[in-house]
C-alpha cells in the first residue's frame, strides 16, 4: 500500500507550532524509554493552545512496578502535564502505551476499536528517537486500513467514501462509552473531506473497491463482538484511570476554575488522593457558586 503509506508519512511529518513540538520534547524526557510522541485532536486543526493538548507517547516498555502490571492488561495509561514556555503555561492530557501495543492495536488484531478509530483521523509525529519513525508510519497506515475495512463492512454496499466513513464513526461512537454530540462524525469529516476521500481511494487502488461477500460477513461478525465488549472495556479503563491517572487533581482543579471561576488549591494530600478529596472540592465549589442569601 505504498500510496496510502506515502499519504500517511506526509501527514505525520507536517509542521506543528513550536510550543506543540517543545511540549512533545519535554514529554519524551518525562517518559522512560520514549520512542515516539504523536499529537492529535481538535487543536491540530485549530491551533488554539488555550485548551488541553492531546498527545500519545509510545514507549519501549511498560512502566516499572504495579503500574506496569495494569498497563499490560489495560492500556493506555493517562496522565496530565503542564509545561511553561515563554511565560505561558501549556496543558496536556497524555495517553501512553508501548510501541508494540500500539502496533497490535492499529492492526485490528485485538478487540479494541479506540486506537485505529482515533488514528485513522489526522495526527502528527512531533518527536521520535529516529529509529521508531518508520514503525509509527507503518502502524498508522495499518490503522487506516483496519478502519477502511470496517467502514466498507458497516457502511452501505457500494457507498461513496464519505458515506462509508460516516457509518464507521457512527458505529464506533455507539460501541464506546463516550459522550459525543449528535453529528460529531459530520464535523470530523467535513473539516477535510478530501483527505478521507484520498485515504479510501488509496486503499481501493491497492485492493479494489468493495469487499467480497464472505469478507464482509466476517468483518460484520467481528464487529458484533467488538461492539458487545466495547463499553465494558471502557468501564474497566475508567476504573483503572480512577486509581492511576497521574496529575488528576491538577487537571480537575484547572477544569473547575476554567468552567466555574472557583480556584481550588492542589494540596499534597489532594494530589495523592484525588478521589477522596473530590467531595470536599465539590462542596467548596457549591458554596462559592451558591447565590448570596
C-alpha atoms as a PDB file:
ATOM      1  CA  UNK A   1       0.000   0.000   0.000  1.00  0.00           C
ATOM      2  CA  UNK A   2       2.699   2.441  -0.985  1.00  0.00           C
ATOM      3  CA  UNK A   3       0.194   5.139  -1.998  1.00  0.00           C
ATOM      4  CA  UNK A   4      -1.559   5.063   1.370  1.00  0.00           C
ATOM      5  CA  UNK A   5       1.718   4.844   3.261  1.00  0.00           C
ATOM      6  CA  UNK A   6       3.055   7.880   1.396  1.00  0.00           C
ATOM      7  CA  UNK A   7      -0.083   9.809   2.304  1.00  0.00           C
ATOM      8  CA  UNK A   8       0.286   8.841   5.970  1.00  0.00           C
ATOM      9  CA  UNK A   9       4.001   9.664   6.042  1.00  0.00           C
ATOM     10  CA  UNK A  10       3.376  13.116   4.579  1.00  0.00           C
ATOM     11  CA  UNK A  11       0.638  13.837   7.111  1.00  0.00           C
ATOM     12  CA  UNK A  12       2.707  12.671  10.071  1.00  0.00           C
ATOM     13  CA  UNK A  13       5.607  14.888   9.016  1.00  0.00           C
ATOM     14  CA  UNK A  14       3.522  18.074   8.957  1.00  0.00           C
ATOM     15  CA  UNK A  15       4.985  21.054  10.763  1.00  0.00           C
ATOM     16  CA  UNK A  16       3.348  21.947  14.064  1.00  0.00           C
ATOM     17  CA  UNK A  17       3.680  25.194  16.057  1.00  0.00           C
ATOM     18  CA  UNK A  18       6.835  25.400  18.145  1.00  0.00           C
ATOM     19  CA  UNK A  19       5.022  25.167  21.525  1.00  0.00           C
ATOM     20  CA  UNK A  20       3.499  21.823  20.476  1.00  0.00           C
ATOM     21  CA  UNK A  21       6.848  20.342  19.436  1.00  0.00           C
ATOM     22  CA  UNK A  22       8.596  21.768  22.518  1.00  0.00           C
ATOM     23  CA  UNK A  23       5.989  20.179  24.794  1.00  0.00           C
ATOM     24  CA  UNK A  24       6.491  16.869  22.949  1.00  0.00           C
ATOM     25  CA  UNK A  25      10.251  17.005  23.568  1.00  0.00           C
ATOM     26  CA  UNK A  26       9.511  17.707  27.240  1.00  0.00           C
ATOM     27  CA  UNK A  27       7.216  14.674  27.444  1.00  0.00           C
ATOM     28  CA  UNK A  28       9.834  12.469  25.798  1.00  0.00           C
ATOM     29  CA  UNK A  29      12.133  13.249  28.714  1.00  0.00           C
ATOM     30  CA  UNK A  30       9.425  12.527  31.276  1.00  0.00           C
ATOM     31  CA  UNK A  31       8.577   9.043  29.994  1.00  0.00           C
ATOM     32  CA  UNK A  32      11.339   6.428  30.394  1.00  0.00           C
ATOM     33  CA  UNK A  33      12.111   4.640  27.157  1.00  0.00           C
ATOM     34  CA  UNK A  34      10.095   7.050  24.989  1.00  0.00           C
ATOM     35  CA  UNK A  35      10.214   6.085  21.320  1.00  0.00           C
ATOM     36  CA  UNK A  36       7.750   8.500  19.701  1.00  0.00           C
ATOM     37  CA  UNK A  37       5.264  11.261  20.547  1.00  0.00           C
ATOM     38  CA  UNK A  38       2.119  11.793  18.473  1.00  0.00           C
ATOM     39  CA  UNK A  39      -0.049  14.908  18.582  1.00  0.00           C
ATOM     40  CA  UNK A  40      -3.714  14.682  17.627  1.00  0.00           C
ATOM     41  CA  UNK A  41      -7.137  16.116  18.323  1.00  0.00           C
ATOM     42  CA  UNK A  42      -9.007  19.299  17.531  1.00  0.00           C
ATOM     43  CA  UNK A  43      -6.072  21.588  18.368  1.00  0.00           C
ATOM     44  CA  UNK A  44      -4.147  20.011  15.499  1.00  0.00           C
ATOM     45  CA  UNK A  45      -6.795  21.621  13.284  1.00  0.00           C
ATOM     46  CA  UNK A  46      -7.435  24.861  15.145  1.00  0.00           C
ATOM     47  CA  UNK A  47      -4.048  25.715  16.648  1.00  0.00           C
ATOM     48  CA  UNK A  48      -5.800  27.061  19.786  1.00  0.00           C
ATOM     49  CA  UNK A  49      -3.292  26.453  22.581  1.00  0.00           C
ATOM     50  CA  UNK A  50      -5.552  27.701  25.385  1.00  0.00           C
ATOM     51  CA  UNK A  51      -7.216  24.318  25.850  1.00  0.00           C
ATOM     52  CA  UNK A  52      -5.835  20.899  26.724  1.00  0.00           C
ATOM     53  CA  UNK A  53      -3.454  19.441  24.145  1.00  0.00           C
ATOM     54  CA  UNK A  54      -3.677  15.738  23.269  1.00  0.00           C
ATOM     55  CA  UNK A  55      -0.588  13.552  22.964  1.00  0.00           C
ATOM     56  CA  UNK A  56       0.200   9.855  22.685  1.00  0.00           C
ATOM     57  CA  UNK A  57       3.612   8.804  23.983  1.00  0.00           C
ATOM     58  CA  UNK A  58       4.832   5.440  22.680  1.00  0.00           C
ATOM     59  CA  UNK A  59       7.449   3.753  24.828  1.00  0.00           C
ATOM     60  CA  UNK A  60       9.816   0.806  24.647  1.00  0.00           C
ATOM     61  CA  UNK A  61       8.362  -0.948  27.692  1.00  0.00           C
ATOM     62  CA  UNK A  62       5.577  -0.643  30.253  1.00  0.00           C
ATOM     63  CA  UNK A  63       6.228   1.293  33.489  1.00  0.00           C
ATOM     64  CA  UNK A  64       8.026  -0.468  36.308  1.00  0.00           C
ATOM     65  CA  UNK A  65       6.194  -1.873  39.319  1.00  0.00           C
ATOM     66  CA  UNK A  66       2.493  -2.409  39.907  1.00  0.00           C
ATOM     67  CA  UNK A  67       1.502   0.240  37.353  1.00  0.00           C
ATOM     68  CA  UNK A  68       3.122  -1.834  34.635  1.00  0.00           C
ATOM     69  CA  UNK A  69       1.028  -4.860  35.589  1.00  0.00           C
ATOM     70  CA  UNK A  70      -2.185  -2.927  34.897  1.00  0.00           C
ATOM     71  CA  UNK A  71      -0.741  -1.358  31.754  1.00  0.00           C
ATOM     72  CA  UNK A  72      -0.084  -4.768  30.219  1.00  0.00           C
ATOM     73  CA  UNK A  73      -3.781  -5.569  30.577  1.00  0.00           C
ATOM     74  CA  UNK A  74      -5.493  -2.207  30.139  1.00  0.00           C
ATOM     75  CA  UNK A  75      -3.698   0.372  28.055  1.00  0.00           C
ATOM     76  CA  UNK A  76      -3.191   3.231  27.639  1.00  0.00           C
ATOM     77  CA  UNK A  77      -2.067   4.980  30.795  1.00  0.00           C
ATOM     78  CA  UNK A  78      -3.422   8.521  31.104  1.00  0.00           C
ATOM     79  CA  UNK A  79      -1.767  11.477  32.796  1.00  0.00           C
ATOM     80  CA  UNK A  80      -1.969  15.273  32.935  1.00  0.00           C
ATOM     81  CA  UNK A  81       1.035  17.526  32.392  1.00  0.00           C
ATOM     82  CA  UNK A  82       1.816  21.228  32.436  1.00  0.00           C
ATOM     83  CA  UNK A  83       4.709  22.906  30.636  1.00  0.00           C
ATOM     84  CA  UNK A  84       5.698  26.565  30.784  1.00  0.00           C
ATOM     85  CA  UNK A  85       7.098  28.119  27.629  1.00  0.00           C
ATOM     86  CA  UNK A  86       7.801  31.819  27.250  1.00  0.00           C
ATOM     87  CA  UNK A  87       5.717  32.670  30.292  1.00  0.00           C
ATOM     88  CA  UNK A  88       2.691  30.716  29.049  1.00  0.00           C
ATOM     89  CA  UNK A  89       1.534  27.543  30.762  1.00  0.00           C
ATOM     90  CA  UNK A  90       0.524  24.828  28.310  1.00  0.00           C
ATOM     91  CA  UNK A  91      -1.579  21.888  29.441  1.00  0.00           C
ATOM     92  CA  UNK A  92      -1.852  18.387  28.014  1.00  0.00           C
ATOM     93  CA  UNK A  93      -3.669  15.142  28.574  1.00  0.00           C
ATOM     94  CA  UNK A  94      -1.266  12.362  27.649  1.00  0.00           C
ATOM     95  CA  UNK A  95      -2.003   8.741  26.823  1.00  0.00           C
ATOM     96  CA  UNK A  96       0.925   6.329  26.824  1.00  0.00           C
ATOM     97  CA  UNK A  97       1.459   2.742  25.754  1.00  0.00           C
ATOM     98  CA  UNK A  98       4.274   0.726  24.294  1.00  0.00           C
ATOM     99  CA  UNK A  99       5.039   0.898  20.601  1.00  0.00           C
ATOM    100  CA  UNK A 100       4.367  -2.849  20.361  1.00  0.00           C
ATOM    101  CA  UNK A 101       0.917  -2.418  21.953  1.00  0.00           C
ATOM    102  CA  UNK A 102       0.187   0.422  19.555  1.00  0.00           C
ATOM    103  CA  UNK A 103       1.192  -1.676  16.548  1.00  0.00           C
ATOM    104  CA  UNK A 104      -1.077  -4.529  17.609  1.00  0.00           C
ATOM    105  CA  UNK A 105      -3.982  -2.171  18.275  1.00  0.00           C
ATOM    106  CA  UNK A 106      -3.746  -0.420  14.904  1.00  0.00           C
ATOM    107  CA  UNK A 107      -3.606  -3.755  13.097  1.00  0.00           C
ATOM    108  CA  UNK A 108      -7.086  -4.612  14.396  1.00  0.00           C
ATOM    109  CA  UNK A 109      -5.841  -7.904  15.820  1.00  0.00           C
ATOM    110  CA  UNK A 110      -7.351  -7.246  19.254  1.00  0.00           C
ATOM    111  CA  UNK A 111     -10.872  -6.356  20.334  1.00  0.00           C
ATOM    112  CA  UNK A 112     -10.119  -2.684  20.969  1.00  0.00           C
ATOM    113  CA  UNK A 113     -11.554  -0.175  18.487  1.00  0.00           C
ATOM    114  CA  UNK A 114     -10.400   3.087  20.039  1.00  0.00           C
ATOM    115  CA  UNK A 115      -6.846   3.228  18.675  1.00  0.00           C
ATOM    116  CA  UNK A 116      -7.444   2.576  14.992  1.00  0.00           C
ATOM    117  CA  UNK A 117     -10.623   4.688  15.040  1.00  0.00           C
ATOM    118  CA  UNK A 118      -8.628   7.544  16.584  1.00  0.00           C
ATOM    119  CA  UNK A 119      -5.607   7.284  14.285  1.00  0.00           C
ATOM    120  CA  UNK A 120      -7.463   6.979  11.008  1.00  0.00           C
ATOM    121  CA  UNK A 121      -8.011  10.659  11.818  1.00  0.00           C
ATOM    122  CA  UNK A 122      -5.154  13.132  11.273  1.00  0.00           C
ATOM    123  CA  UNK A 123      -2.166  13.173  13.630  1.00  0.00           C
ATOM    124  CA  UNK A 124       1.388  14.462  13.620  1.00  0.00           C
ATOM    125  CA  UNK A 125       4.580  12.698  14.646  1.00  0.00           C
ATOM    126  CA  UNK A 126       6.141  15.548  16.613  1.00  0.00           C
ATOM    127  CA  UNK A 127       9.025  13.661  18.243  1.00  0.00           C
ATOM    128  CA  UNK A 128      10.751  10.320  17.788  1.00  0.00           C
ATOM    129  CA  UNK A 129      14.046   8.688  18.611  1.00  0.00           C
ATOM    130  CA  UNK A 130      14.647   8.328  14.878  1.00  0.00           C
ATOM    131  CA  UNK A 131      14.515   4.562  14.696  1.00  0.00           C
ATOM    132  CA  UNK A 132      10.812   4.435  15.595  1.00  0.00           C
ATOM    133  CA  UNK A 133       9.589   6.756  12.843  1.00  0.00           C
ATOM    134  CA  UNK A 134       9.121   4.099  10.164  1.00  0.00           C
ATOM    135  CA  UNK A 135       7.350   1.775  12.596  1.00  0.00           C
ATOM    136  CA  UNK A 136       4.918   4.552  13.528  1.00  0.00           C
ATOM    137  CA  UNK A 137       4.187   5.296   9.858  1.00  0.00           C
ATOM    138  CA  UNK A 138       3.523   1.582   9.277  1.00  0.00           C
ATOM    139  CA  UNK A 139       1.263   1.378  12.338  1.00  0.00           C
ATOM    140  CA  UNK A 140      -0.883   4.344  11.342  1.00  0.00           C
ATOM    141  CA  UNK A 141      -1.089   3.010   7.796  1.00  0.00           C
ATOM    142  CA  UNK A 142      -2.465  -0.164   9.402  1.00  0.00           C
ATOM    143  CA  UNK A 143      -4.962   1.939  11.389  1.00  0.00           C
ATOM    144  CA  UNK A 144      -6.261   3.439   8.142  1.00  0.00           C
ATOM    145  CA  UNK A 145      -6.533   0.006   6.533  1.00  0.00           C
ATOM    146  CA  UNK A 146      -8.314  -1.510   9.545  1.00  0.00           C
ATOM    147  CA  UNK A 147     -10.753   1.395   9.734  1.00  0.00           C
ATOM    148  CA  UNK A 148     -11.424   1.284   5.995  1.00  0.00           C
ATOM    149  CA  UNK A 149     -12.176  -2.447   6.114  1.00  0.00           C
ATOM    150  CA  UNK A 150     -14.739  -1.993   8.863  1.00  0.00           C
ATOM    151  CA  UNK A 151     -16.156   1.106   7.127  1.00  0.00           C
ATOM    152  CA  UNK A 152     -16.831  -0.930   3.998  1.00  0.00           C
ATOM    153  CA  UNK A 153     -18.412  -3.729   6.022  1.00  0.00           C
ATOM    154  CA  UNK A 154     -20.607  -1.463   8.169  1.00  0.00           C
ATOM    155  CA  UNK A 155     -21.445   1.144   5.558  1.00  0.00           C
ATOM    156  CA  UNK A 156     -23.753   0.960   2.543  1.00  0.00           C
ATOM    157  CA  UNK A 157     -22.721  -1.544  -0.108  1.00  0.00           C
ATOM    158  CA  UNK A 158     -21.096   0.353  -2.954  1.00  0.00           C
ATOM    159  CA  UNK A 159     -21.230   3.574  -0.937  1.00  0.00           C
ATOM    160  CA  UNK A 160     -19.086   6.614  -1.620  1.00  0.00           C
ATOM    161  CA  UNK A 161     -16.102   7.123   0.713  1.00  0.00           C
ATOM    162  CA  UNK A 162     -17.725   9.782   2.910  1.00  0.00           C
ATOM    163  CA  UNK A 163     -20.838   7.622   3.374  1.00  0.00           C
ATOM    164  CA  UNK A 164     -18.625   4.736   4.465  1.00  0.00           C
ATOM    165  CA  UNK A 165     -16.626   6.871   6.904  1.00  0.00           C
ATOM    166  CA  UNK A 166     -19.835   8.351   8.318  1.00  0.00           C
ATOM    167  CA  UNK A 167     -21.198   4.875   9.009  1.00  0.00           C
ATOM    168  CA  UNK A 168     -17.931   3.812  10.639  1.00  0.00           C
ATOM    169  CA  UNK A 169     -17.728   6.728  13.057  1.00  0.00           C
ATOM    170  CA  UNK A 170     -21.393   6.385  13.992  1.00  0.00           C
ATOM    171  CA  UNK A 171     -20.814   2.730  14.843  1.00  0.00           C
ATOM    172  CA  UNK A 172     -17.617   3.329  16.812  1.00  0.00           C
ATOM    173  CA  UNK A 173     -19.338   6.002  18.922  1.00  0.00           C
ATOM    174  CA  UNK A 174     -22.105   3.501  19.714  1.00  0.00           C
ATOM    175  CA  UNK A 175     -19.533   0.895  20.727  1.00  0.00           C
ATOM    176  CA  UNK A 176     -17.628   3.200  23.081  1.00  0.00           C
ATOM    177  CA  UNK A 177     -18.573   4.682  26.436  1.00  0.00           C
ATOM    178  CA  UNK A 178     -18.203   8.318  25.455  1.00  0.00           C
ATOM    179  CA  UNK A 179     -20.438  11.345  25.192  1.00  0.00           C
ATOM    180  CA  UNK A 180     -20.458  12.869  21.740  1.00  0.00           C
ATOM    181  CA  UNK A 181     -22.816  15.457  20.345  1.00  0.00           C
ATOM    182  CA  UNK A 182     -25.123  14.181  17.635  1.00  0.00           C
ATOM    183  CA  UNK A 183     -23.455  14.627  14.274  1.00  0.00           C
ATOM    184  CA  UNK A 184     -19.926  14.574  15.686  1.00  0.00           C
ATOM    185  CA  UNK A 185     -18.814  12.446  12.738  1.00  0.00           C
ATOM    186  CA  UNK A 186     -20.037  15.150  10.351  1.00  0.00           C
ATOM    187  CA  UNK A 187     -17.800  17.788  11.925  1.00  0.00           C
ATOM    188  CA  UNK A 188     -14.812  15.445  11.692  1.00  0.00           C
ATOM    189  CA  UNK A 189     -15.372  14.587   8.051  1.00  0.00           C
ATOM    190  CA  UNK A 190     -16.406  17.994   6.759  1.00  0.00           C
ATOM    191  CA  UNK A 191     -13.256  19.651   8.090  1.00  0.00           C
ATOM    192  CA  UNK A 192     -11.225  17.934   5.364  1.00  0.00           C
ATOM    193  CA  UNK A 193     -13.422  15.627   3.269  1.00  0.00           C
ATOM    194  CA  UNK A 194     -10.799  15.329   0.513  1.00  0.00           C
ATOM    195  CA  UNK A 195      -8.372  13.781   2.968  1.00  0.00           C
ATOM    196  CA  UNK A 196     -10.769  10.937   3.862  1.00  0.00           C
ATOM    197  CA  UNK A 197     -11.624  10.517   0.189  1.00  0.00           C
ATOM    198  CA  UNK A 198      -7.916  10.076  -0.565  1.00  0.00           C
ATOM    199  CA  UNK A 199      -7.456   7.509   2.208  1.00  0.00           C
ATOM    200  CA  UNK A 200     -10.256   5.304   0.895  1.00  0.00           C
ATOM    201  CA  UNK A 201      -9.240   5.745  -2.737  1.00  0.00           C
ATOM    202  CA  UNK A 202      -5.652   4.783  -1.851  1.00  0.00           C
ATOM    203  CA  UNK A 203      -6.933   1.526  -0.374  1.00  0.00           C
ATOM    204  CA  UNK A 204      -9.178   0.906  -3.358  1.00  0.00           C
ATOM    205  CA  UNK A 205      -6.231   1.478  -5.685  1.00  0.00           C
ATOM    206  CA  UNK A 206      -4.451  -1.422  -3.963  1.00  0.00           C
ATOM    207  CA  UNK A 207      -7.324  -3.786  -3.116  1.00  0.00           C
ATOM    208  CA  UNK A 208     -10.156  -2.720  -5.393  1.00  0.00           C
ATOM    209  CA  UNK A 209     -13.411  -1.118  -4.209  1.00  0.00           C
ATOM    210  CA  UNK A 210     -15.838  -3.072  -2.065  1.00  0.00           C
ATOM    211  CA  UNK A 211     -15.493  -6.332  -0.177  1.00  0.00           C
ATOM    212  CA  UNK A 212     -16.132  -9.919  -1.151  1.00  0.00           C
ATOM    213  CA  UNK A 213     -19.328 -11.256   0.417  1.00  0.00           C
ATOM    214  CA  UNK A 214     -17.508 -13.666   2.746  1.00  0.00           C
ATOM    215  CA  UNK A 215     -15.079 -10.963   3.905  1.00  0.00           C
ATOM    216  CA  UNK A 216     -17.943  -8.575   4.585  1.00  0.00           C
ATOM    217  CA  UNK A 217     -19.709 -11.202   6.696  1.00  0.00           C
ATOM    218  CA  UNK A 218     -16.506 -11.962   8.590  1.00  0.00           C
ATOM    219  CA  UNK A 219     -15.991  -8.305   9.440  1.00  0.00           C
ATOM    220  CA  UNK A 220     -19.625  -7.791  10.452  1.00  0.00           C
ATOM    221  CA  UNK A 221     -19.335 -10.779  12.791  1.00  0.00           C
ATOM    222  CA  UNK A 222     -16.065  -9.410  14.175  1.00  0.00           C
ATOM    223  CA  UNK A 223     -17.726  -6.043  14.718  1.00  0.00           C
ATOM    224  CA  UNK A 224     -20.606  -7.554  16.706  1.00  0.00           C
ATOM    225  CA  UNK A 225     -18.099  -8.909  19.223  1.00  0.00           C
ATOM    226  CA  UNK A 226     -16.247  -5.599  19.433  1.00  0.00           C
ATOM    227  CA  UNK A 227     -19.485  -3.678  19.875  1.00  0.00           C
ATOM    228  CA  UNK A 228     -20.626  -6.035  22.654  1.00  0.00           C
ATOM    229  CA  UNK A 229     -17.357  -5.709  24.556  1.00  0.00           C
ATOM    230  CA  UNK A 230     -16.619  -2.056  23.799  1.00  0.00           C
ATOM    231  CA  UNK A 231     -18.453  -0.423  26.709  1.00  0.00           C
ATOM    232  CA  UNK A 232     -17.316  -2.990  29.346  1.00  0.00           C
ATOM    233  CA  UNK A 233     -13.741  -2.446  28.188  1.00  0.00           C
ATOM    234  CA  UNK A 234     -14.187   1.324  28.501  1.00  0.00           C
ATOM    235  CA  UNK A 235     -15.599   0.900  32.015  1.00  0.00           C
ATOM    236  CA  UNK A 236     -12.597  -1.196  33.023  1.00  0.00           C
ATOM    237  CA  UNK A 237     -10.282   1.504  31.718  1.00  0.00           C
ATOM    238  CA  UNK A 238     -12.159   4.195  33.625  1.00  0.00           C
ATOM    239  CA  UNK A 239     -11.842   2.204  36.861  1.00  0.00           C
ATOM    240  CA  UNK A 240      -8.133   1.807  36.235  1.00  0.00           C
ATOM    241  CA  UNK A 241      -7.769   5.517  35.435  1.00  0.00           C
ATOM    242  CA  UNK A 242      -9.504   6.445  38.696  1.00  0.00           C
ATOM    243  CA  UNK A 243      -6.553   4.964  40.570  1.00  0.00           C
ATOM    244  CA  UNK A 244      -3.691   5.586  38.144  1.00  0.00           C
ATOM    245  CA  UNK A 245      -4.407   8.940  36.443  1.00  0.00           C
ATOM    246  CA  UNK A 246      -1.268  10.899  37.306  1.00  0.00           C
ATOM    247  CA  UNK A 247      -1.935  14.618  37.757  1.00  0.00           C
ATOM    248  CA  UNK A 248      -5.692  14.080  38.112  1.00  0.00           C
ATOM    249  CA  UNK A 249      -6.022  16.647  40.919  1.00  0.00           C
ATOM    250  CA  UNK A 250      -4.248  19.385  38.941  1.00  0.00           C
ATOM    251  CA  UNK A 251      -6.278  18.589  35.851  1.00  0.00           C
ATOM    252  CA  UNK A 252      -9.554  18.728  37.795  1.00  0.00           C
ATOM    253  CA  UNK A 253      -8.571  21.989  39.516  1.00  0.00           C
ATOM    254  CA  UNK A 254      -7.817  23.636  36.178  1.00  0.00           C
ATOM    255  CA  UNK A 255     -11.090  22.402  34.664  1.00  0.00           C
ATOM    256  CA  UNK A 256     -13.096  23.619  37.659  1.00  0.00           C
ATOM    257  CA  UNK A 257     -11.557  27.088  37.568  1.00  0.00           C
ATOM    258  CA  UNK A 258     -11.944  27.315  33.785  1.00  0.00           C
ATOM    259  CA  UNK A 259     -15.648  26.411  33.888  1.00  0.00           C
ATOM    260  CA  UNK A 260     -16.784  27.878  37.236  1.00  0.00           C
ATOM    261  CA  UNK A 261     -14.234  30.533  38.150  1.00  0.00           C
ATOM    262  CA  UNK A 262     -13.623  28.847  41.516  1.00  0.00           C
ATOM    263  CA  UNK A 263      -9.940  28.419  42.374  1.00  0.00           C
ATOM    264  CA  UNK A 264      -9.116  25.077  44.012  1.00  0.00           C
ATOM    265  CA  UNK A 265      -5.819  24.707  45.845  1.00  0.00           C
ATOM    266  CA  UNK A 266      -3.999  21.485  44.917  1.00  0.00           C
ATOM    267  CA  UNK A 267      -2.563  20.392  48.244  1.00  0.00           C
ATOM    268  CA  UNK A 268      -0.162  17.440  48.539  1.00  0.00           C
ATOM    269  CA  UNK A 269      -2.987  15.398  50.094  1.00  0.00           C
ATOM    270  CA  UNK A 270      -5.368  16.198  47.228  1.00  0.00           C
ATOM    271  CA  UNK A 271      -2.627  15.343  44.753  1.00  0.00           C
ATOM    272  CA  UNK A 272      -2.127  11.918  46.336  1.00  0.00           C
ATOM    273  CA  UNK A 273      -5.823  11.168  46.966  1.00  0.00           C
ATOM    274  CA  UNK A 274      -7.943  12.851  44.262  1.00  0.00           C
ATOM    275  CA  UNK A 275     -10.914  10.507  44.727  1.00  0.00           C
ATOM    276  CA  UNK A 276     -11.091  11.034  48.497  1.00  0.00           C
ATOM    277  CA  UNK A 277     -10.653  14.771  48.009  1.00  0.00           C
ATOM    278  CA  UNK A 278     -13.449  15.082  45.448  1.00  0.00           C
ATOM    279  CA  UNK A 279     -16.404  15.519  47.884  1.00  0.00           C
ATOM    280  CA  UNK A 280     -14.673  18.367  49.719  1.00  0.00           C
ATOM    281  CA  UNK A 281     -13.769  20.084  46.451  1.00  0.00           C
ATOM    282  CA  UNK A 282     -17.329  19.797  45.170  1.00  0.00           C
ATOM    283  CA  UNK A 283     -18.657  21.242  48.429  1.00  0.00           C
ATOM    284  CA  UNK A 284     -16.268  24.187  48.124  1.00  0.00           C
ATOM    285  CA  UNK A 285     -17.401  24.851  44.559  1.00  0.00           C
ATOM    286  CA  UNK A 286     -21.062  24.620  45.580  1.00  0.00           C
ATOM    287  CA  UNK A 287     -20.585  27.060  48.453  1.00  0.00           C
ATOM    288  CA  UNK A 288     -18.732  29.637  46.362  1.00  0.00           C
ATOM    289  CA  UNK A 289     -21.159  29.353  43.472  1.00  0.00           C
ATOM    290  CA  UNK A 290     -24.262  29.490  45.682  1.00  0.00           C
ATOM    291  CA  UNK A 291     -26.126  32.797  45.335  1.00  0.00           C
ATOM    292  CA  UNK A 292     -25.770  35.055  48.357  1.00  0.00           C
ATOM    293  CA  UNK A 293     -28.796  34.972  50.655  1.00  0.00           C
END
